[in-house]
Amino acid sequence: MADTEVTDIIRQEKIDEDLETNQDDDEEMQRLKALRYQLKLNATEEERLLWRDYLSKGRGQGIRFVRQKIIRPYIVDFYCPLVRLVIELDGSQHFSDHGKAYDEKRTAFLQSKGYMVIRYSNLQVHENFYGVCQDIERIVRNRIGK
């Protein structure tokens, strides 16, 4: 990996960190941190599987993921800072009218901030784990130009 790529990774992670910790004492941030903690403790089977068996593994070349990342005012399931990729796993609540509307609003917000958002249903992860992992790998590689 070239020095400029490493510098870019560090710079992007610093920007993301600043977004998360800016005004750290405010009430909303404290609420988000508490919620993030609960979401990690109560991860779905599919979230645990994707994290444990794929995303937490080092990908090399600066490609790493974090889980339950605060991107104010939201918490995303998984995030890759190198390519500004958000991965969301959707359970049944996401398929209601209210859930779909909320997800559309959230996705539009994240995209307006320069994030790419991809979504998989829990069923996709459960029934086609390898295919989901291949898809994520392809998207990451495309976003870094490899």
N, C-alpha and C. Protein backbone atom coordinates (compact mmCIF):
# COMPACT_ATOMS: atom_id res chain seq x y z
N MET A 1 0.85 -1.17 0.00
CA MET A 1 0.00 0.00 0.00
C MET A 1 0.90 1.24 0.00
N ALA A 2 0.58 2.19 -0.84
CA ALA A 2 1.37 3.41 -0.94
C ALA A 2 1.14 4.29 0.28
N ASP A 3 2.16 5.10 0.60
CA ASP A 3 2.06 6.01 1.75
C ASP A 3 0.86 6.94 1.63
N THR A 4 0.56 7.38 0.41
CA THR A 4 -0.58 8.30 0.25
C THR A 4 -1.90 7.61 0.58
N GLU A 5 -2.01 6.32 0.26
CA GLU A 5 -3.22 5.58 0.59
C GLU A 5 -3.38 5.46 2.10
N VAL A 6 -2.29 5.18 2.80
CA VAL A 6 -2.33 5.08 4.26
C VAL A 6 -2.72 6.42 4.85
N THR A 7 -2.14 7.50 4.33
CA THR A 7 -2.48 8.84 4.80
C THR A 7 -3.96 9.13 4.58
N ASP A 8 -4.48 8.76 3.40
CA ASP A 8 -5.90 8.97 3.11
C ASP A 8 -6.78 8.19 4.07
N ILE A 9 -6.40 6.96 4.39
CA ILE A 9 -7.17 6.14 5.33
C ILE A 9 -7.19 6.81 6.70
N ILE A 10 -6.02 7.22 7.16
CA ILE A 10 -5.93 7.86 8.47
C ILE A 10 -6.74 9.15 8.49
N ARG A 11 -6.65 9.94 7.43
CA ARG A 11 -7.40 11.19 7.34
C ARG A 11 -8.91 10.92 7.40
N GLN A 12 -9.39 9.93 6.62
CA GLN A 12 -10.83 9.63 6.62
C GLN A 12 -11.29 9.12 7.98
N GLU A 13 -10.49 8.28 8.62
CA GLU A 13 -10.86 7.78 9.94
C GLU A 13 -10.90 8.92 10.95
N LYS A 14 -10.00 9.89 10.83
CA LYS A 14 -9.99 11.04 11.73
C LYS A 14 -11.24 11.90 11.52
N ILE A 15 -11.63 12.11 10.26
CA ILE A 15 -12.86 12.85 9.97
C ILE A 15 -14.05 12.14 10.57
N ASP A 16 -14.12 10.82 10.37
CA ASP A 16 -15.24 10.05 10.91
C ASP A 16 -15.24 10.10 12.43
N GLU A 17 -14.07 10.02 13.05
CA GLU A 17 -13.96 10.10 14.51
C GLU A 17 -14.45 11.45 15.00
N ASP A 18 -14.06 12.52 14.31
CA ASP A 18 -14.48 13.86 14.70
C ASP A 18 -15.99 14.00 14.60
N LEU A 19 -16.60 13.40 13.58
CA LEU A 19 -18.05 13.46 13.45
C LEU A 19 -18.72 12.77 14.63
N GLU A 20 -18.12 11.67 15.07
CA GLU A 20 -18.70 10.91 16.17
C GLU A 20 -18.50 11.61 17.50
N THR A 21 -17.34 12.18 17.73
CA THR A 21 -17.03 12.71 19.05
C THR A 21 -17.29 14.20 19.18
N ASN A 22 -17.62 14.87 18.10
CA ASN A 22 -17.94 16.29 18.17
C ASN A 22 -19.09 16.50 19.15
N GLN A 23 -18.94 17.42 20.04
CA GLN A 23 -19.94 17.71 21.06
C GLN A 23 -20.27 16.44 21.87
N ASP A 24 -19.23 15.78 22.29
CA ASP A 24 -19.35 14.49 22.96
C ASP A 24 -20.24 14.53 24.20
N ASP A 25 -20.34 15.68 24.82
CA ASP A 25 -21.09 15.76 26.06
C ASP A 25 -22.58 15.98 25.86
N ASP A 26 -22.99 16.21 24.62
CA ASP A 26 -24.40 16.51 24.46
C ASP A 26 -25.29 15.29 24.69
N GLU A 27 -26.50 15.57 25.00
CA GLU A 27 -27.45 14.52 25.38
C GLU A 27 -27.69 13.51 24.26
N GLU A 28 -27.80 14.00 23.03
CA GLU A 28 -28.05 13.10 21.90
C GLU A 28 -26.90 12.10 21.75
N MET A 29 -25.67 12.57 21.88
CA MET A 29 -24.53 11.67 21.72
C MET A 29 -24.50 10.62 22.82
N GLN A 30 -24.81 11.01 24.01
CA GLN A 30 -24.86 10.04 25.11
C GLN A 30 -25.93 8.99 24.84
N ARG A 31 -27.08 9.43 24.32
CA ARG A 31 -28.16 8.50 23.97
C ARG A 31 -27.70 7.54 22.88
N LEU A 32 -27.04 8.08 21.85
CA LEU A 32 -26.56 7.23 20.75
C LEU A 32 -25.52 6.21 21.22
N LYS A 33 -24.63 6.64 22.09
CA LYS A 33 -23.62 5.70 22.61
C LYS A 33 -24.26 4.58 23.42
N ALA A 34 -25.25 4.92 24.22
CA ALA A 34 -25.96 3.90 25.01
C ALA A 34 -26.70 2.93 24.09
N LEU A 35 -27.33 3.48 23.05
CA LEU A 35 -28.05 2.64 22.09
C LEU A 35 -27.08 1.75 21.33
N ARG A 36 -25.94 2.30 20.92
CA ARG A 36 -24.92 1.51 20.22
C ARG A 36 -24.49 0.32 21.07
N TYR A 37 -24.27 0.56 22.35
CA TYR A 37 -23.88 -0.51 23.27
C TYR A 37 -24.96 -1.60 23.31
N GLN A 38 -26.22 -1.20 23.40
CA GLN A 38 -27.31 -2.17 23.43
C GLN A 38 -27.42 -2.94 22.11
N LEU A 39 -27.22 -2.24 21.00
CA LEU A 39 -27.29 -2.91 19.70
C LEU A 39 -26.18 -3.95 19.56
N LYS A 40 -25.01 -3.65 20.08
CA LYS A 40 -23.92 -4.64 20.03
C LYS A 40 -24.25 -5.85 20.89
N LEU A 41 -24.80 -5.60 22.07
CA LEU A 41 -25.16 -6.70 22.97
C LEU A 41 -26.27 -7.57 22.40
N ASN A 42 -27.19 -6.95 21.68
CA ASN A 42 -28.38 -7.65 21.20
C ASN A 42 -28.37 -7.85 19.69
N ALA A 43 -27.19 -8.04 19.12
CA ALA A 43 -27.07 -8.24 17.68
C ALA A 43 -27.87 -9.46 17.24
N THR A 44 -28.41 -9.39 16.04
CA THR A 44 -29.13 -10.54 15.50
C THR A 44 -28.14 -11.65 15.17
N GLU A 45 -28.66 -12.82 14.98
CA GLU A 45 -27.82 -13.96 14.59
C GLU A 45 -27.06 -13.64 13.30
N GLU A 46 -27.75 -12.99 12.36
CA GLU A 46 -27.14 -12.67 11.08
C GLU A 46 -26.05 -11.61 11.22
N GLU A 47 -26.28 -10.61 12.08
CA GLU A 47 -25.24 -9.60 12.33
C GLU A 47 -24.00 -10.25 12.96
N ARG A 48 -24.23 -11.12 13.93
CA ARG A 48 -23.09 -11.81 14.57
C ARG A 48 -22.33 -12.67 13.57
N LEU A 49 -23.06 -13.37 12.72
CA LEU A 49 -22.44 -14.23 11.71
C LEU A 49 -21.60 -13.41 10.73
N LEU A 50 -22.18 -12.36 10.18
CA LEU A 50 -21.46 -11.56 9.21
C LEU A 50 -20.24 -10.91 9.84
N TRP A 51 -20.37 -10.43 11.07
CA TRP A 51 -19.23 -9.81 11.76
C TRP A 51 -18.15 -10.86 12.07
N ARG A 52 -18.55 -11.92 12.71
CA ARG A 52 -17.60 -12.93 13.19
C ARG A 52 -16.88 -13.65 12.05
N ASP A 53 -17.64 -14.02 11.03
CA ASP A 53 -17.06 -14.88 9.99
C ASP A 53 -16.58 -14.14 8.75
N TYR A 54 -16.80 -12.82 8.70
CA TYR A 54 -16.34 -12.12 7.51
C TYR A 54 -15.80 -10.72 7.80
N LEU A 55 -16.62 -9.82 8.29
CA LEU A 55 -16.23 -8.42 8.38
C LEU A 55 -15.13 -8.14 9.39
N SER A 56 -15.08 -8.91 10.48
CA SER A 56 -14.05 -8.64 11.50
C SER A 56 -12.68 -9.17 11.08
N LYS A 57 -12.64 -9.99 10.07
CA LYS A 57 -11.36 -10.54 9.58
C LYS A 57 -10.62 -9.45 8.83
N GLY A 58 -9.33 -9.35 9.05
CA GLY A 58 -8.53 -8.36 8.33
C GLY A 58 -8.59 -8.60 6.84
N ARG A 59 -8.86 -7.59 6.09
CA ARG A 59 -8.94 -7.71 4.64
C ARG A 59 -7.64 -7.26 3.99
N GLY A 60 -6.72 -6.68 4.77
CA GLY A 60 -5.49 -6.17 4.19
C GLY A 60 -5.73 -4.84 3.49
N GLN A 61 -4.68 -4.22 3.07
CA GLN A 61 -4.74 -2.97 2.32
C GLN A 61 -5.59 -1.90 3.00
N GLY A 62 -5.61 -1.89 4.32
CA GLY A 62 -6.35 -0.86 5.04
C GLY A 62 -7.84 -1.07 5.10
N ILE A 63 -8.30 -2.18 4.55
CA ILE A 63 -9.74 -2.43 4.53
C ILE A 63 -10.14 -3.04 5.87
N ARG A 64 -10.90 -2.28 6.64
CA ARG A 64 -11.40 -2.78 7.90
C ARG A 64 -12.82 -2.28 8.08
N PHE A 65 -13.56 -2.99 8.88
CA PHE A 65 -14.94 -2.64 9.17
C PHE A 65 -15.11 -2.41 10.66
N VAL A 66 -16.06 -1.59 11.01
CA VAL A 66 -16.47 -1.42 12.40
C VAL A 66 -17.96 -1.70 12.46
N ARG A 67 -18.41 -2.10 13.63
CA ARG A 67 -19.84 -2.39 13.76
C ARG A 67 -20.50 -1.37 14.67
N GLN A 68 -21.79 -1.16 14.39
CA GLN A 68 -22.60 -0.20 15.15
C GLN A 68 -21.89 1.16 15.23
N LYS A 69 -21.61 1.71 14.07
CA LYS A 69 -20.91 2.99 13.95
C LYS A 69 -21.92 4.15 14.04
N ILE A 70 -21.61 5.11 14.88
CA ILE A 70 -22.44 6.31 14.96
C ILE A 70 -22.07 7.23 13.82
N ILE A 71 -23.04 7.52 12.99
CA ILE A 71 -22.94 8.56 11.97
C ILE A 71 -24.15 9.45 12.23
N ARG A 72 -23.92 10.45 13.04
CA ARG A 72 -25.03 11.26 13.55
C ARG A 72 -25.97 11.70 12.46
N PRO A 73 -27.26 11.52 12.67
CA PRO A 73 -27.94 11.13 13.90
C PRO A 73 -28.28 9.64 13.96
N TYR A 74 -27.58 8.83 13.18
CA TYR A 74 -27.91 7.41 13.07
C TYR A 74 -26.80 6.52 13.62
N ILE A 75 -27.13 5.25 13.76
CA ILE A 75 -26.15 4.20 14.04
C ILE A 75 -26.30 3.18 12.93
N VAL A 76 -25.21 2.92 12.21
CA VAL A 76 -25.27 1.97 11.11
C VAL A 76 -24.75 0.63 11.58
N ASP A 77 -25.20 -0.44 10.95
CA ASP A 77 -24.81 -1.78 11.37
C ASP A 77 -23.30 -2.01 11.21
N PHE A 78 -22.79 -1.74 10.00
CA PHE A 78 -21.38 -1.94 9.72
C PHE A 78 -20.88 -0.80 8.84
N TYR A 79 -19.61 -0.46 8.99
CA TYR A 79 -19.05 0.66 8.25
C TYR A 79 -17.60 0.39 7.90
N CYS A 80 -17.23 0.69 6.65
CA CYS A 80 -15.85 0.60 6.19
C CYS A 80 -15.37 2.02 5.87
N PRO A 81 -14.52 2.59 6.75
CA PRO A 81 -14.10 3.98 6.55
C PRO A 81 -13.29 4.21 5.27
N LEU A 82 -12.51 3.24 4.84
CA LEU A 82 -11.68 3.41 3.66
C LEU A 82 -12.51 3.80 2.44
N VAL A 83 -13.66 3.17 2.28
CA VAL A 83 -14.48 3.41 1.09
C VAL A 83 -15.83 4.04 1.42
N ARG A 84 -15.99 4.48 2.67
CA ARG A 84 -17.23 5.13 3.12
C ARG A 84 -18.46 4.27 2.77
N LEU A 85 -18.34 3.00 3.11
CA LEU A 85 -19.40 2.03 2.81
C LEU A 85 -20.16 1.67 4.07
N VAL A 86 -21.47 1.80 4.01
CA VAL A 86 -22.36 1.41 5.10
C VAL A 86 -23.08 0.13 4.67
N ILE A 87 -23.09 -0.85 5.56
CA ILE A 87 -23.80 -2.11 5.30
C ILE A 87 -24.89 -2.24 6.34
N GLU A 88 -26.11 -2.41 5.87
CA GLU A 88 -27.26 -2.57 6.76
C GLU A 88 -27.87 -3.95 6.56
N LEU A 89 -28.19 -4.61 7.66
CA LEU A 89 -28.91 -5.88 7.61
C LEU A 89 -30.33 -5.62 8.07
N ASP A 90 -31.28 -6.05 7.27
CA ASP A 90 -32.68 -5.74 7.53
C ASP A 90 -33.46 -6.95 7.99
N GLY A 91 -34.04 -6.81 9.17
CA GLY A 91 -34.97 -7.80 9.68
C GLY A 91 -36.38 -7.46 9.23
N SER A 92 -37.35 -8.18 9.74
CA SER A 92 -38.74 -8.02 9.29
C SER A 92 -39.31 -6.63 9.50
N GLN A 93 -38.84 -5.91 10.54
CA GLN A 93 -39.38 -4.58 10.81
C GLN A 93 -39.07 -3.59 9.68
N HIS A 94 -38.09 -3.88 8.88
CA HIS A 94 -37.72 -3.00 7.79
C HIS A 94 -38.65 -3.13 6.59
N PHE A 95 -39.52 -4.10 6.58
CA PHE A 95 -40.38 -4.34 5.44
C PHE A 95 -41.79 -3.80 5.63
N SER A 96 -42.06 -3.21 6.79
CA SER A 96 -43.35 -2.52 6.99
C SER A 96 -43.30 -1.19 6.26
N ASP A 97 -44.46 -0.56 6.07
CA ASP A 97 -44.49 0.75 5.41
C ASP A 97 -43.65 1.76 6.19
N HIS A 98 -43.80 1.76 7.51
CA HIS A 98 -43.04 2.68 8.34
C HIS A 98 -41.54 2.39 8.24
N GLY A 99 -41.18 1.12 8.29
CA GLY A 99 -39.77 0.73 8.21
C GLY A 99 -39.15 1.12 6.88
N LYS A 100 -39.89 0.91 5.79
CA LYS A 100 -39.38 1.28 4.47
C LYS A 100 -39.18 2.78 4.37
N ALA A 101 -40.14 3.56 4.86
CA ALA A 101 -40.05 5.03 4.80
C ALA A 101 -38.85 5.52 5.62
N TYR A 102 -38.67 4.96 6.80
CA TYR A 102 -37.55 5.34 7.66
C TYR A 102 -36.22 5.01 6.98
N ASP A 103 -36.12 3.81 6.42
CA ASP A 103 -34.89 3.40 5.74
C ASP A 103 -34.58 4.28 4.54
N GLU A 104 -35.61 4.67 3.79
CA GLU A 104 -35.40 5.55 2.63
C GLU A 104 -34.86 6.90 3.07
N LYS A 105 -35.44 7.45 4.15
CA LYS A 105 -34.99 8.74 4.67
C LYS A 105 -33.53 8.64 5.16
N ARG A 106 -33.26 7.61 5.89
CA ARG A 106 -31.92 7.38 6.44
C ARG A 106 -30.89 7.19 5.34
N THR A 107 -31.22 6.38 4.34
CA THR A 107 -30.32 6.14 3.22
C THR A 107 -30.06 7.43 2.45
N ALA A 108 -31.09 8.22 2.20
CA ALA A 108 -30.93 9.49 1.49
C ALA A 108 -29.99 10.42 2.26
N PHE A 109 -30.16 10.46 3.57
CA PHE A 109 -29.29 11.30 4.40
C PHE A 109 -27.84 10.85 4.28
N LEU A 110 -27.59 9.56 4.46
CA LEU A 110 -26.24 9.02 4.41
C LEU A 110 -25.60 9.24 3.04
N GLN A 111 -26.38 9.02 1.98
CA GLN A 111 -25.86 9.24 0.64
C GLN A 111 -25.53 10.72 0.41
N SER A 112 -26.33 11.61 0.98
CA SER A 112 -26.07 13.05 0.83
C SER A 112 -24.76 13.45 1.50
N LYS A 113 -24.30 12.64 2.45
CA LYS A 113 -23.03 12.89 3.15
C LYS A 113 -21.87 12.14 2.52
N GLY A 114 -22.12 11.46 1.40
CA GLY A 114 -21.04 10.79 0.68
C GLY A 114 -20.85 9.33 1.00
N TYR A 115 -21.76 8.74 1.75
CA TYR A 115 -21.66 7.32 2.08
C TYR A 115 -22.41 6.50 1.04
N MET A 116 -21.89 5.33 0.73
CA MET A 116 -22.63 4.36 -0.08
C MET A 116 -23.31 3.40 0.90
N VAL A 117 -24.58 3.15 0.68
CA VAL A 117 -25.34 2.28 1.57
C VAL A 117 -25.79 1.06 0.79
N ILE A 118 -25.46 -0.13 1.33
CA ILE A 118 -25.98 -1.37 0.76
C ILE A 118 -26.75 -2.10 1.84
N ARG A 119 -27.78 -2.79 1.41
CA ARG A 119 -28.67 -3.46 2.35
C ARG A 119 -28.82 -4.93 1.94
N TYR A 120 -28.87 -5.77 2.96
CA TYR A 120 -29.16 -7.18 2.76
C TYR A 120 -30.21 -7.56 3.79
N SER A 121 -31.10 -8.44 3.41
CA SER A 121 -32.06 -8.93 4.39
C SER A 121 -31.37 -9.99 5.25
N ASN A 122 -31.88 -10.18 6.44
CA ASN A 122 -31.36 -11.25 7.29
C ASN A 122 -31.49 -12.59 6.57
N LEU A 123 -32.56 -12.76 5.80
CA LEU A 123 -32.77 -14.00 5.05
C LEU A 123 -31.64 -14.22 4.04
N GLN A 124 -31.22 -13.15 3.35
CA GLN A 124 -30.11 -13.28 2.40
C GLN A 124 -28.84 -13.74 3.10
N VAL A 125 -28.55 -13.16 4.25
CA VAL A 125 -27.34 -13.53 4.99
C VAL A 125 -27.45 -14.98 5.45
N HIS A 126 -28.61 -15.35 5.92
CA HIS A 126 -28.83 -16.70 6.45
C HIS A 126 -28.75 -17.76 5.34
N GLU A 127 -29.37 -17.47 4.20
CA GLU A 127 -29.47 -18.48 3.14
C GLU A 127 -28.34 -18.40 2.10
N ASN A 128 -27.67 -17.25 1.97
CA ASN A 128 -26.65 -17.10 0.95
C ASN A 128 -25.46 -16.31 1.51
N PHE A 129 -24.94 -16.76 2.61
CA PHE A 129 -23.87 -16.05 3.29
C PHE A 129 -22.68 -15.80 2.37
N TYR A 130 -22.24 -16.82 1.68
CA TYR A 130 -21.08 -16.70 0.80
C TYR A 130 -21.34 -15.67 -0.29
N GLY A 131 -22.52 -15.66 -0.87
CA GLY A 131 -22.88 -14.71 -1.91
C GLY A 131 -22.89 -13.27 -1.40
N VAL A 132 -23.38 -13.07 -0.18
CA VAL A 132 -23.38 -11.73 0.43
C VAL A 132 -21.94 -11.27 0.62
N CYS A 133 -21.09 -12.14 1.13
CA CYS A 133 -19.67 -11.79 1.35
C CYS A 133 -18.99 -11.46 0.04
N GLN A 134 -19.25 -12.23 -1.00
CA GLN A 134 -18.67 -11.95 -2.32
C GLN A 134 -19.13 -10.60 -2.84
N ASP A 135 -20.40 -10.28 -2.64
CA ASP A 135 -20.95 -9.01 -3.09
C ASP A 135 -20.28 -7.84 -2.37
N ILE A 136 -20.11 -7.96 -1.06
CA ILE A 136 -19.45 -6.91 -0.28
C ILE A 136 -18.01 -6.75 -0.77
N GLU A 137 -17.32 -7.85 -0.97
CA GLU A 137 -15.93 -7.81 -1.44
C GLU A 137 -15.84 -7.11 -2.79
N ARG A 138 -16.74 -7.44 -3.69
CA ARG A 138 -16.75 -6.82 -5.02
C ARG A 138 -16.98 -5.32 -4.91
N ILE A 139 -17.92 -4.90 -4.10
CA ILE A 139 -18.22 -3.48 -3.95
C ILE A 139 -17.03 -2.73 -3.36
N VAL A 140 -16.42 -3.30 -2.33
CA VAL A 140 -15.25 -2.65 -1.72
C VAL A 140 -14.13 -2.52 -2.75
N ARG A 141 -13.84 -3.58 -3.46
CA ARG A 141 -12.76 -3.56 -4.47
C ARG A 141 -13.06 -2.52 -5.55
N ASN A 142 -14.29 -2.46 -6.00
CA ASN A 142 -14.66 -1.47 -7.01
C ASN A 142 -14.48 -0.04 -6.50
N ARG A 143 -14.80 0.17 -5.22
CA ARG A 143 -14.70 1.52 -4.66
C ARG A 143 -13.25 1.95 -4.43
N ILE A 144 -12.35 0.99 -4.26
CA ILE A 144 -10.94 1.38 -4.13
C ILE A 144 -10.21 1.26 -5.47
N GLY A 145 -10.93 0.84 -6.49
CA GLY A 145 -10.34 0.79 -7.83
C GLY A 145 -9.48 -0.40 -8.11
N LYS A 146 -9.76 -1.53 -7.45
CA LYS A 146 -8.95 -2.73 -7.68
C LYS A 146 -9.79 -3.82 -8.28
